Amino acid sequence: KRIEDVVKEIKNVYKRDPVELIILYRYNFVNRLVSRTTETVKVSERKFVKKLDDILLNPLTGPIISSIMLISMILLAFTINTGFPLNYILRSLGYESIASAIEEISLSGIISKVFTVLSEIVQETAANYNVQGWLIDLITGGIISGVGSVLTFLPLIFIVNLMMALLEDSGLMARIAV
């Protein structure tokens, strides 16, 4: 009974429901807290980003530049991993030795060489212990070369994902998507 009397008295004095007053008090408390602890900063418009948006979001230049960026990214990833297309360009210009060196020092070439050396070590070791020929072939020709072939693609996948992450983090991927 006492609570009902207090509710009626509040409604008569403040001309509002007590629940509404509690909600308003909470909102006012939060607003006072926010105004004391935050600062409004005016963000200046960045001219470079505006120019970049004008170019990449343009219906004519945007798709062209986006395509060039994506193709360049893929070509760079393949060049780092396998030497392609740089090795073919150098071969067509007559620089066979440089093209072969690029293929050998590429990530794929290094991984292939490691598994070739590993296969040779296993063959020599197995020959010293008189292991059956078919077992040596299974291990060297099947398991080691198979794992090596699969692992030569791992750097390519890593590099492509790294480059895509860089495009995403730079904000360019969102513009390319548009």
N, C-alpha and C. Protein backbone atom coordinates (compact mmCIF):
# COMPACT_ATOMS: atom_id res chain seq x y z
N LYS A 1 0.84 -1.19 0.00
CA LYS A 1 0.00 0.00 0.00
C LYS A 1 0.87 1.25 0.00
N ARG A 2 1.96 1.17 0.78
CA ARG A 2 2.85 2.33 0.88
C ARG A 2 3.52 2.60 -0.47
N ILE A 3 3.91 1.55 -1.16
CA ILE A 3 4.56 1.70 -2.48
C ILE A 3 3.59 2.31 -3.48
N GLU A 4 2.36 1.87 -3.46
CA GLU A 4 1.36 2.43 -4.37
C GLU A 4 1.14 3.90 -4.09
N ASP A 5 1.18 4.30 -2.81
CA ASP A 5 1.02 5.71 -2.47
C ASP A 5 2.19 6.54 -2.98
N VAL A 6 3.41 6.00 -2.87
CA VAL A 6 4.59 6.71 -3.36
C VAL A 6 4.53 6.86 -4.88
N VAL A 7 4.11 5.82 -5.57
CA VAL A 7 3.99 5.87 -7.03
C VAL A 7 2.98 6.95 -7.44
N LYS A 8 1.84 7.01 -6.75
CA LYS A 8 0.83 8.03 -7.06
C LYS A 8 1.35 9.43 -6.78
N GLU A 9 2.08 9.57 -5.69
CA GLU A 9 2.63 10.88 -5.33
C GLU A 9 3.64 11.35 -6.38
N ILE A 10 4.48 10.42 -6.85
CA ILE A 10 5.46 10.76 -7.90
C ILE A 10 4.74 11.16 -9.18
N LYS A 11 3.69 10.44 -9.53
CA LYS A 11 2.94 10.77 -10.74
C LYS A 11 2.30 12.15 -10.61
N ASN A 12 1.80 12.51 -9.43
CA ASN A 12 1.17 13.81 -9.22
C ASN A 12 2.19 14.93 -9.25
N VAL A 13 3.36 14.74 -8.63
CA VAL A 13 4.36 15.81 -8.53
C VAL A 13 5.08 16.00 -9.86
N TYR A 14 5.54 14.93 -10.47
CA TYR A 14 6.38 15.02 -11.67
C TYR A 14 5.60 14.83 -12.97
N LYS A 15 4.36 14.46 -12.89
CA LYS A 15 3.49 14.24 -14.06
C LYS A 15 4.07 13.20 -15.03
N ARG A 16 4.80 12.23 -14.47
CA ARG A 16 5.38 11.16 -15.27
C ARG A 16 5.37 9.88 -14.45
N ASP A 17 5.49 8.77 -15.18
CA ASP A 17 5.55 7.46 -14.53
C ASP A 17 6.93 7.29 -13.89
N PRO A 18 7.02 6.69 -12.70
CA PRO A 18 8.33 6.50 -12.06
C PRO A 18 9.32 5.68 -12.90
N VAL A 19 8.85 4.69 -13.65
CA VAL A 19 9.74 3.90 -14.52
C VAL A 19 10.37 4.81 -15.56
N GLU A 20 9.59 5.71 -16.14
CA GLU A 20 10.11 6.65 -17.13
C GLU A 20 11.14 7.58 -16.50
N LEU A 21 10.92 8.00 -15.29
CA LEU A 21 11.88 8.87 -14.60
C LEU A 21 13.21 8.14 -14.32
N ILE A 22 13.10 6.86 -13.96
CA ILE A 22 14.32 6.07 -13.73
C ILE A 22 15.12 5.93 -15.02
N ILE A 23 14.44 5.67 -16.12
CA ILE A 23 15.11 5.55 -17.42
C ILE A 23 15.77 6.86 -17.79
N LEU A 24 15.08 7.99 -17.63
CA LEU A 24 15.65 9.30 -17.94
C LEU A 24 16.88 9.58 -17.06
N TYR A 25 16.81 9.21 -15.78
CA TYR A 25 17.94 9.42 -14.89
C TYR A 25 19.15 8.62 -15.38
N ARG A 26 18.92 7.38 -15.81
CA ARG A 26 20.03 6.55 -16.31
C ARG A 26 20.64 7.16 -17.57
N TYR A 27 19.79 7.62 -18.51
CA TYR A 27 20.30 8.24 -19.73
C TYR A 27 21.09 9.51 -19.40
N ASN A 28 20.59 10.31 -18.50
CA ASN A 28 21.31 11.54 -18.13
C ASN A 28 22.64 11.22 -17.46
N PHE A 29 22.65 10.18 -16.63
CA PHE A 29 23.90 9.77 -15.98
C PHE A 29 24.93 9.35 -17.03
N VAL A 30 24.52 8.54 -17.99
CA VAL A 30 25.44 8.08 -19.05
C VAL A 30 25.90 9.26 -19.89
N ASN A 31 25.01 10.18 -20.24
CA ASN A 31 25.40 11.35 -21.03
C ASN A 31 26.42 12.21 -20.29
N ARG A 32 26.22 12.43 -18.98
CA ARG A 32 27.18 13.21 -18.20
C ARG A 32 28.53 12.49 -18.14
N LEU A 33 28.50 11.20 -17.98
CA LEU A 33 29.73 10.40 -17.92
C LEU A 33 30.48 10.47 -19.24
N VAL A 34 29.76 10.34 -20.34
CA VAL A 34 30.38 10.39 -21.67
C VAL A 34 30.95 11.78 -21.94
N SER A 35 30.22 12.82 -21.59
CA SER A 35 30.71 14.18 -21.86
C SER A 35 31.95 14.51 -21.04
N ARG A 36 32.12 13.92 -19.87
CA ARG A 36 33.30 14.17 -19.05
C ARG A 36 34.51 13.36 -19.51
N THR A 37 34.28 12.24 -20.15
CA THR A 37 35.40 11.33 -20.46
C THR A 37 35.77 11.27 -21.93
N THR A 38 35.00 11.83 -22.80
CA THR A 38 35.32 11.77 -24.23
C THR A 38 35.56 13.16 -24.78
N GLU A 39 36.23 13.18 -25.91
CA GLU A 39 36.53 14.43 -26.57
C GLU A 39 36.19 14.29 -28.04
N THR A 40 35.49 15.22 -28.58
CA THR A 40 35.12 15.19 -29.99
C THR A 40 36.25 15.80 -30.80
N VAL A 41 36.74 15.03 -31.76
CA VAL A 41 37.84 15.48 -32.58
C VAL A 41 37.34 15.59 -34.01
N LYS A 42 37.63 16.69 -34.64
CA LYS A 42 37.25 16.87 -36.03
C LYS A 42 38.27 16.16 -36.90
N VAL A 43 37.79 15.24 -37.74
CA VAL A 43 38.67 14.48 -38.62
C VAL A 43 38.85 15.27 -39.91
N SER A 44 40.11 15.57 -40.20
CA SER A 44 40.37 16.29 -41.44
C SER A 44 40.28 15.34 -42.61
N GLU A 45 39.82 15.82 -43.71
CA GLU A 45 39.66 14.99 -44.90
C GLU A 45 41.04 14.76 -45.52
N ARG A 46 41.37 13.49 -45.74
CA ARG A 46 42.67 13.16 -46.30
C ARG A 46 42.59 13.23 -47.83
N LYS A 47 43.46 14.04 -48.38
CA LYS A 47 43.41 14.28 -49.82
C LYS A 47 43.84 13.06 -50.62
N PHE A 48 44.83 12.31 -50.10
CA PHE A 48 45.30 11.14 -50.83
C PHE A 48 44.20 10.09 -50.94
N VAL A 49 43.51 9.85 -49.84
CA VAL A 49 42.43 8.85 -49.85
C VAL A 49 41.31 9.30 -50.78
N LYS A 50 41.03 10.57 -50.80
CA LYS A 50 39.99 11.10 -51.69
C LYS A 50 40.38 10.87 -53.15
N LYS A 51 41.63 11.16 -53.49
CA LYS A 51 42.10 10.94 -54.86
C LYS A 51 42.10 9.46 -55.22
N LEU A 52 42.51 8.62 -54.26
CA LEU A 52 42.50 7.18 -54.48
C LEU A 52 41.08 6.69 -54.73
N ASP A 53 40.13 7.17 -53.94
CA ASP A 53 38.73 6.79 -54.15
C ASP A 53 38.23 7.27 -55.50
N ASP A 54 38.61 8.48 -55.88
CA ASP A 54 38.17 9.00 -57.18
C ASP A 54 38.67 8.14 -58.33
N ILE A 55 39.88 7.61 -58.20
CA ILE A 55 40.45 6.80 -59.27
C ILE A 55 39.89 5.38 -59.24
N LEU A 56 39.93 4.73 -58.05
CA LEU A 56 39.55 3.31 -57.98
C LEU A 56 38.05 3.08 -57.99
N LEU A 57 37.27 4.06 -57.64
CA LEU A 57 35.82 3.89 -57.64
C LEU A 57 35.18 4.45 -58.91
N ASN A 58 36.01 4.94 -59.82
CA ASN A 58 35.52 5.43 -61.10
C ASN A 58 35.12 4.23 -61.96
N PRO A 59 33.95 4.28 -62.60
CA PRO A 59 33.53 3.12 -63.40
C PRO A 59 34.45 2.80 -64.58
N LEU A 60 35.22 3.76 -65.05
CA LEU A 60 36.10 3.51 -66.18
C LEU A 60 37.49 3.06 -65.73
N THR A 61 38.11 3.83 -64.84
CA THR A 61 39.48 3.52 -64.44
C THR A 61 39.56 2.47 -63.34
N GLY A 62 38.54 2.35 -62.52
CA GLY A 62 38.56 1.42 -61.40
C GLY A 62 38.79 -0.02 -61.80
N PRO A 63 37.99 -0.57 -62.71
CA PRO A 63 38.21 -1.97 -63.10
C PRO A 63 39.56 -2.21 -63.78
N ILE A 64 40.03 -1.24 -64.54
CA ILE A 64 41.31 -1.40 -65.23
C ILE A 64 42.46 -1.45 -64.22
N ILE A 65 42.49 -0.49 -63.31
CA ILE A 65 43.56 -0.44 -62.32
C ILE A 65 43.46 -1.62 -61.36
N SER A 66 42.25 -1.99 -60.98
CA SER A 66 42.07 -3.14 -60.09
C SER A 66 42.57 -4.42 -60.75
N SER A 67 42.26 -4.59 -62.03
CA SER A 67 42.73 -5.78 -62.75
C SER A 67 44.25 -5.80 -62.84
N ILE A 68 44.84 -4.65 -63.13
CA ILE A 68 46.30 -4.56 -63.21
C ILE A 68 46.94 -4.90 -61.86
N MET A 69 46.35 -4.40 -60.77
CA MET A 69 46.89 -4.69 -59.44
C MET A 69 46.80 -6.17 -59.12
N LEU A 70 45.66 -6.79 -59.39
CA LEU A 70 45.50 -8.20 -59.07
C LEU A 70 46.39 -9.09 -59.94
N ILE A 71 46.49 -8.78 -61.22
CA ILE A 71 47.36 -9.56 -62.11
C ILE A 71 48.82 -9.41 -61.69
N SER A 72 49.23 -8.19 -61.34
CA SER A 72 50.60 -7.96 -60.89
C SER A 72 50.88 -8.73 -59.61
N MET A 73 49.91 -8.78 -58.71
CA MET A 73 50.08 -9.50 -57.47
C MET A 73 50.29 -10.99 -57.74
N ILE A 74 49.47 -11.56 -58.62
CA ILE A 74 49.61 -12.98 -58.95
C ILE A 74 50.94 -13.25 -59.65
N LEU A 75 51.33 -12.39 -60.59
CA LEU A 75 52.61 -12.58 -61.28
C LEU A 75 53.79 -12.49 -60.32
N LEU A 76 53.72 -11.56 -59.36
CA LEU A 76 54.79 -11.44 -58.37
C LEU A 76 54.85 -12.69 -57.49
N ALA A 77 53.70 -13.19 -57.11
CA ALA A 77 53.67 -14.41 -56.29
C ALA A 77 54.26 -15.59 -57.06
N PHE A 78 53.92 -15.73 -58.33
CA PHE A 78 54.47 -16.82 -59.14
C PHE A 78 55.97 -16.62 -59.38
N THR A 79 56.40 -15.38 -59.57
CA THR A 79 57.82 -15.12 -59.80
C THR A 79 58.63 -15.49 -58.57
N ILE A 80 58.14 -15.15 -57.39
CA ILE A 80 58.85 -15.50 -56.16
C ILE A 80 58.86 -17.01 -55.97
N ASN A 81 57.75 -17.66 -56.26
CA ASN A 81 57.64 -19.10 -55.99
C ASN A 81 58.31 -19.97 -57.05
N THR A 82 58.09 -19.67 -58.32
CA THR A 82 58.60 -20.56 -59.37
C THR A 82 59.52 -19.88 -60.38
N GLY A 83 59.59 -18.56 -60.36
CA GLY A 83 60.39 -17.85 -61.35
C GLY A 83 59.59 -17.47 -62.59
N PHE A 84 58.40 -18.03 -62.74
CA PHE A 84 57.54 -17.72 -63.88
C PHE A 84 56.90 -16.36 -63.68
N PRO A 85 56.75 -15.53 -64.63
CA PRO A 85 57.08 -15.52 -66.05
C PRO A 85 58.45 -14.93 -66.35
N LEU A 86 59.16 -14.52 -65.28
CA LEU A 86 60.46 -13.89 -65.49
C LEU A 86 61.44 -14.82 -66.19
N ASN A 87 61.40 -16.10 -65.86
CA ASN A 87 62.32 -17.05 -66.50
C ASN A 87 62.03 -17.19 -68.00
N TYR A 88 60.76 -17.19 -68.39
CA TYR A 88 60.43 -17.28 -69.82
C TYR A 88 60.82 -16.02 -70.57
N ILE A 89 60.64 -14.88 -69.93
CA ILE A 89 61.04 -13.61 -70.57
C ILE A 89 62.55 -13.60 -70.80
N LEU A 90 63.30 -14.00 -69.77
CA LEU A 90 64.76 -14.02 -69.92
C LEU A 90 65.22 -15.05 -70.94
N ARG A 91 64.55 -16.21 -71.00
CA ARG A 91 64.90 -17.22 -72.02
C ARG A 91 64.65 -16.68 -73.42
N SER A 92 63.53 -15.99 -73.60
CA SER A 92 63.22 -15.46 -74.93
C SER A 92 64.19 -14.36 -75.33
N LEU A 93 64.81 -13.69 -74.35
CA LEU A 93 65.80 -12.67 -74.66
C LEU A 93 67.21 -13.24 -74.81
N GLY A 94 67.34 -14.56 -74.57
CA GLY A 94 68.64 -15.21 -74.78
C GLY A 94 69.47 -15.37 -73.52
N TYR A 95 68.90 -15.12 -72.37
CA TYR A 95 69.62 -15.24 -71.10
C TYR A 95 69.24 -16.56 -70.42
N GLU A 96 69.65 -17.65 -71.02
CA GLU A 96 69.30 -18.99 -70.53
C GLU A 96 69.86 -19.26 -69.14
N SER A 97 71.11 -18.85 -68.90
CA SER A 97 71.76 -19.14 -67.61
C SER A 97 71.07 -18.36 -66.47
N ILE A 98 70.68 -17.14 -66.72
CA ILE A 98 69.99 -16.35 -65.69
C ILE A 98 68.61 -16.93 -65.42
N ALA A 99 67.92 -17.36 -66.47
CA ALA A 99 66.59 -17.96 -66.30
C ALA A 99 66.68 -19.25 -65.49
N SER A 100 67.70 -20.06 -65.76
CA SER A 100 67.89 -21.29 -64.98
C SER A 100 68.23 -20.99 -63.53
N ALA A 101 69.03 -19.95 -63.31
CA ALA A 101 69.39 -19.57 -61.94
C ALA A 101 68.16 -19.08 -61.18
N ILE A 102 67.29 -18.36 -61.84
CA ILE A 102 66.06 -17.88 -61.19
C ILE A 102 65.18 -19.06 -60.80
N GLU A 103 65.09 -20.05 -61.67
CA GLU A 103 64.29 -21.23 -61.35
C GLU A 103 64.88 -21.99 -60.17
N GLU A 104 66.21 -22.06 -60.10
CA GLU A 104 66.85 -22.80 -59.01
C GLU A 104 66.73 -22.09 -57.67
N ILE A 105 66.79 -20.76 -57.66
CA ILE A 105 66.74 -20.04 -56.38
C ILE A 105 65.31 -19.64 -55.99
N SER A 106 64.34 -20.01 -56.82
CA SER A 106 62.96 -19.74 -56.42
C SER A 106 62.58 -20.68 -55.28
N LEU A 107 61.54 -20.33 -54.55
CA LEU A 107 61.13 -21.16 -53.41
C LEU A 107 60.81 -22.58 -53.84
N SER A 108 60.14 -22.72 -54.95
CA SER A 108 59.80 -24.05 -55.46
C SER A 108 61.05 -24.83 -55.82
N GLY A 109 62.02 -24.16 -56.43
CA GLY A 109 63.27 -24.81 -56.79
C GLY A 109 64.06 -25.26 -55.57
N ILE A 110 64.07 -24.43 -54.53
CA ILE A 110 64.79 -24.78 -53.31
C ILE A 110 64.14 -25.98 -52.63
N ILE A 111 62.81 -25.98 -52.54
CA ILE A 111 62.10 -27.10 -51.91
C ILE A 111 62.30 -28.39 -52.71
N SER A 112 62.24 -28.29 -54.03
CA SER A 112 62.49 -29.47 -54.87
C SER A 112 63.89 -30.01 -54.66
N LYS A 113 64.86 -29.12 -54.57
CA LYS A 113 66.24 -29.54 -54.36
C LYS A 113 66.40 -30.23 -53.01
N VAL A 114 65.75 -29.70 -51.96
CA VAL A 114 65.83 -30.31 -50.63
C VAL A 114 65.28 -31.73 -50.68
N PHE A 115 64.14 -31.92 -51.34
CA PHE A 115 63.56 -33.27 -51.39
C PHE A 115 64.34 -34.20 -52.31
N THR A 116 65.00 -33.66 -53.31
CA THR A 116 65.87 -34.48 -54.15
C THR A 116 67.07 -34.98 -53.35
N VAL A 117 67.66 -34.07 -52.58
CA VAL A 117 68.80 -34.45 -51.74
C VAL A 117 68.36 -35.46 -50.68
N LEU A 118 67.19 -35.24 -50.08
CA LEU A 118 66.66 -36.17 -49.09
C LEU A 118 66.45 -37.56 -49.70
N SER A 119 65.92 -37.57 -50.91
CA SER A 119 65.69 -38.84 -51.61
C SER A 119 67.02 -39.56 -51.88
N GLU A 120 68.05 -38.81 -52.28
CA GLU A 120 69.35 -39.41 -52.53
C GLU A 120 69.96 -39.98 -51.25
N ILE A 121 69.80 -39.26 -50.14
CA ILE A 121 70.33 -39.73 -48.85
C ILE A 121 69.64 -41.03 -48.45
N VAL A 122 68.31 -41.08 -48.63
CA VAL A 122 67.57 -42.29 -48.28
C VAL A 122 68.00 -43.46 -49.17
N GLN A 123 68.20 -43.20 -50.46
CA GLN A 123 68.65 -44.27 -51.37
C GLN A 123 70.01 -44.82 -50.97
N GLU A 124 70.94 -43.92 -50.66
CA GLU A 124 72.28 -44.38 -50.26
C GLU A 124 72.23 -45.14 -48.94
N THR A 125 71.46 -44.62 -48.00
CA THR A 125 71.37 -45.29 -46.69
C THR A 125 70.70 -46.65 -46.81
N ALA A 126 69.63 -46.70 -47.60
CA ALA A 126 68.93 -47.98 -47.77
C ALA A 126 69.79 -48.99 -48.51
N ALA A 127 70.61 -48.54 -49.47
CA ALA A 127 71.49 -49.45 -50.20
C ALA A 127 72.55 -50.05 -49.27
N ASN A 128 72.99 -49.25 -48.30
CA ASN A 128 73.98 -49.75 -47.33
C ASN A 128 73.41 -50.85 -46.44
N TYR A 129 72.09 -50.83 -46.21
CA TYR A 129 71.45 -51.82 -45.34
C TYR A 129 70.75 -52.93 -46.13
N ASN A 130 71.00 -53.01 -47.43
CA ASN A 130 70.43 -54.05 -48.29
C ASN A 130 68.90 -54.10 -48.23
N VAL A 131 68.27 -52.95 -48.34
CA VAL A 131 66.81 -52.88 -48.35
C VAL A 131 66.33 -53.24 -49.75
N GLN A 132 65.16 -53.88 -49.83
CA GLN A 132 64.59 -54.28 -51.12
C GLN A 132 64.45 -53.07 -52.05
N GLY A 133 64.64 -53.29 -53.34
CA GLY A 133 64.55 -52.21 -54.33
C GLY A 133 63.18 -51.58 -54.43
N TRP A 134 62.15 -52.42 -54.34
CA TRP A 134 60.79 -51.88 -54.45
C TRP A 134 60.45 -50.98 -53.26
N LEU A 135 61.01 -51.28 -52.08
CA LEU A 135 60.76 -50.46 -50.90
C LEU A 135 61.48 -49.11 -51.01
N ILE A 136 62.70 -49.17 -51.55
CA ILE A 136 63.45 -47.93 -51.78
C ILE A 136 62.70 -47.05 -52.77
N ASP A 137 62.20 -47.66 -53.86
CA ASP A 137 61.43 -46.92 -54.85
C ASP A 137 60.15 -46.33 -54.26
N LEU A 138 59.49 -47.11 -53.41
CA LEU A 138 58.28 -46.62 -52.75
C LEU A 138 58.58 -45.40 -51.89
N ILE A 139 59.64 -45.49 -51.12
CA ILE A 139 59.97 -44.38 -50.21
C ILE A 139 60.47 -43.16 -50.98
N THR A 140 61.42 -43.38 -51.89
CA THR A 140 62.02 -42.23 -52.59
C THR A 140 61.14 -41.71 -53.71
N GLY A 141 60.63 -42.61 -54.53
CA GLY A 141 59.84 -42.17 -55.69
C GLY A 141 58.40 -41.86 -55.36
N GLY A 142 57.86 -42.50 -54.32
CA GLY A 142 56.46 -42.28 -53.99
C GLY A 142 56.26 -41.30 -52.86
N ILE A 143 56.77 -41.65 -51.70
CA ILE A 143 56.50 -40.85 -50.50
C ILE A 143 57.26 -39.53 -50.52
N ILE A 144 58.57 -39.59 -50.66
CA ILE A 144 59.37 -38.35 -50.57
C ILE A 144 59.07 -37.42 -51.73
N SER A 145 59.04 -37.94 -52.95
CA SER A 145 58.76 -37.05 -54.09
C SER A 145 57.31 -36.58 -54.08
N GLY A 146 56.39 -37.41 -53.60
CA GLY A 146 54.99 -36.99 -53.50
C GLY A 146 54.79 -35.87 -52.50
N VAL A 147 55.39 -36.03 -51.32
CA VAL A 147 55.30 -34.97 -50.30
C VAL A 147 56.00 -33.71 -50.80
N GLY A 148 57.14 -33.89 -51.45
CA GLY A 148 57.85 -32.73 -52.00
C GLY A 148 57.05 -31.99 -53.05
N SER A 149 56.35 -32.74 -53.91
CA SER A 149 55.52 -32.10 -54.93
C SER A 149 54.39 -31.29 -54.32
N VAL A 150 53.79 -31.83 -53.28
CA VAL A 150 52.70 -31.11 -52.61
C VAL A 150 53.24 -29.88 -51.89
N LEU A 151 54.38 -30.03 -51.22
CA LEU A 151 54.93 -28.91 -50.44
C LEU A 151 55.49 -27.79 -51.31
N THR A 152 55.77 -28.05 -52.59
CA THR A 152 56.22 -26.96 -53.46
C THR A 152 55.12 -25.94 -53.70
N PHE A 153 53.86 -26.34 -53.51
CA PHE A 153 52.76 -25.39 -53.67
C PHE A 153 52.49 -24.57 -52.42
N LEU A 154 52.99 -25.01 -51.29
CA LEU A 154 52.74 -24.33 -50.02
C LEU A 154 53.23 -22.88 -50.02
N PRO A 155 54.44 -22.58 -50.48
CA PRO A 155 54.87 -21.17 -50.51
C PRO A 155 54.00 -20.30 -51.41
N LEU A 156 53.55 -20.85 -52.52
CA LEU A 156 52.69 -20.08 -53.41
C LEU A 156 51.39 -19.71 -52.71
N ILE A 157 50.79 -20.67 -52.03
CA ILE A 157 49.55 -20.40 -51.31
C ILE A 157 49.79 -19.38 -50.21
N PHE A 158 50.90 -19.52 -49.50
CA PHE A 158 51.23 -18.58 -48.44
C PHE A 158 51.43 -17.17 -48.99
N ILE A 159 52.18 -17.04 -50.07
CA ILE A 159 52.48 -15.73 -50.64
C ILE A 159 51.20 -15.06 -51.16
N VAL A 160 50.36 -15.81 -51.85
CA VAL A 160 49.11 -15.24 -52.35
C VAL A 160 48.23 -14.78 -51.19
N ASN A 161 48.13 -15.59 -50.14
CA ASN A 161 47.33 -15.18 -48.98
C ASN A 161 47.93 -13.96 -48.28
N LEU A 162 49.25 -13.90 -48.21
CA LEU A 162 49.91 -12.74 -47.61
C LEU A 162 49.62 -11.48 -48.41
N MET A 163 49.71 -11.57 -49.72
CA MET A 163 49.45 -10.40 -50.56
C MET A 163 47.98 -9.98 -50.49
N MET A 164 47.08 -10.95 -50.46
CA MET A 164 45.66 -10.62 -50.31
C MET A 164 45.41 -9.94 -48.96
N ALA A 165 46.08 -10.41 -47.92
CA ALA A 165 45.93 -9.78 -46.60
C ALA A 165 46.46 -8.36 -46.61
N LEU A 166 47.58 -8.13 -47.31
CA LEU A 166 48.11 -6.78 -47.41
C LEU A 166 47.14 -5.86 -48.16
N LEU A 167 46.56 -6.37 -49.23
CA LEU A 167 45.56 -5.57 -49.96
C LEU A 167 44.35 -5.27 -49.08
N GLU A 168 43.94 -6.27 -48.32
CA GLU A 168 42.78 -6.10 -47.43
C GLU A 168 43.08 -5.09 -46.33
N ASP A 169 44.23 -5.21 -45.70
CA ASP A 169 44.59 -4.31 -44.60
C ASP A 169 44.85 -2.88 -45.08
N SER A 170 45.29 -2.73 -46.31
CA SER A 170 45.54 -1.38 -46.82
C SER A 170 44.25 -0.67 -47.22
N GLY A 171 43.16 -1.41 -47.34
CA GLY A 171 41.90 -0.80 -47.75
C GLY A 171 41.67 -0.87 -49.25
N LEU A 172 42.64 -1.38 -49.98
CA LEU A 172 42.50 -1.45 -51.43
C LEU A 172 41.54 -2.54 -51.86
N MET A 173 41.46 -3.64 -51.11
CA MET A 173 40.61 -4.74 -51.51
C MET A 173 39.12 -4.34 -51.49
N ALA A 174 38.75 -3.50 -50.54
CA ALA A 174 37.37 -3.02 -50.50
C ALA A 174 37.08 -2.17 -51.74
N ARG A 175 38.03 -1.37 -52.13
CA ARG A 175 37.84 -0.54 -53.34
C ARG A 175 37.82 -1.41 -54.59
N ILE A 176 38.67 -2.45 -54.62
CA ILE A 176 38.67 -3.38 -55.76
C ILE A 176 37.32 -4.09 -55.85
N ALA A 177 36.77 -4.46 -54.70
CA ALA A 177 35.49 -5.16 -54.69
C ALA A 177 34.37 -4.26 -55.24
N VAL A 178 34.46 -2.98 -54.94
CA VAL A 178 33.45 -2.04 -55.46
C VAL A 178 33.62 -1.90 -56.95
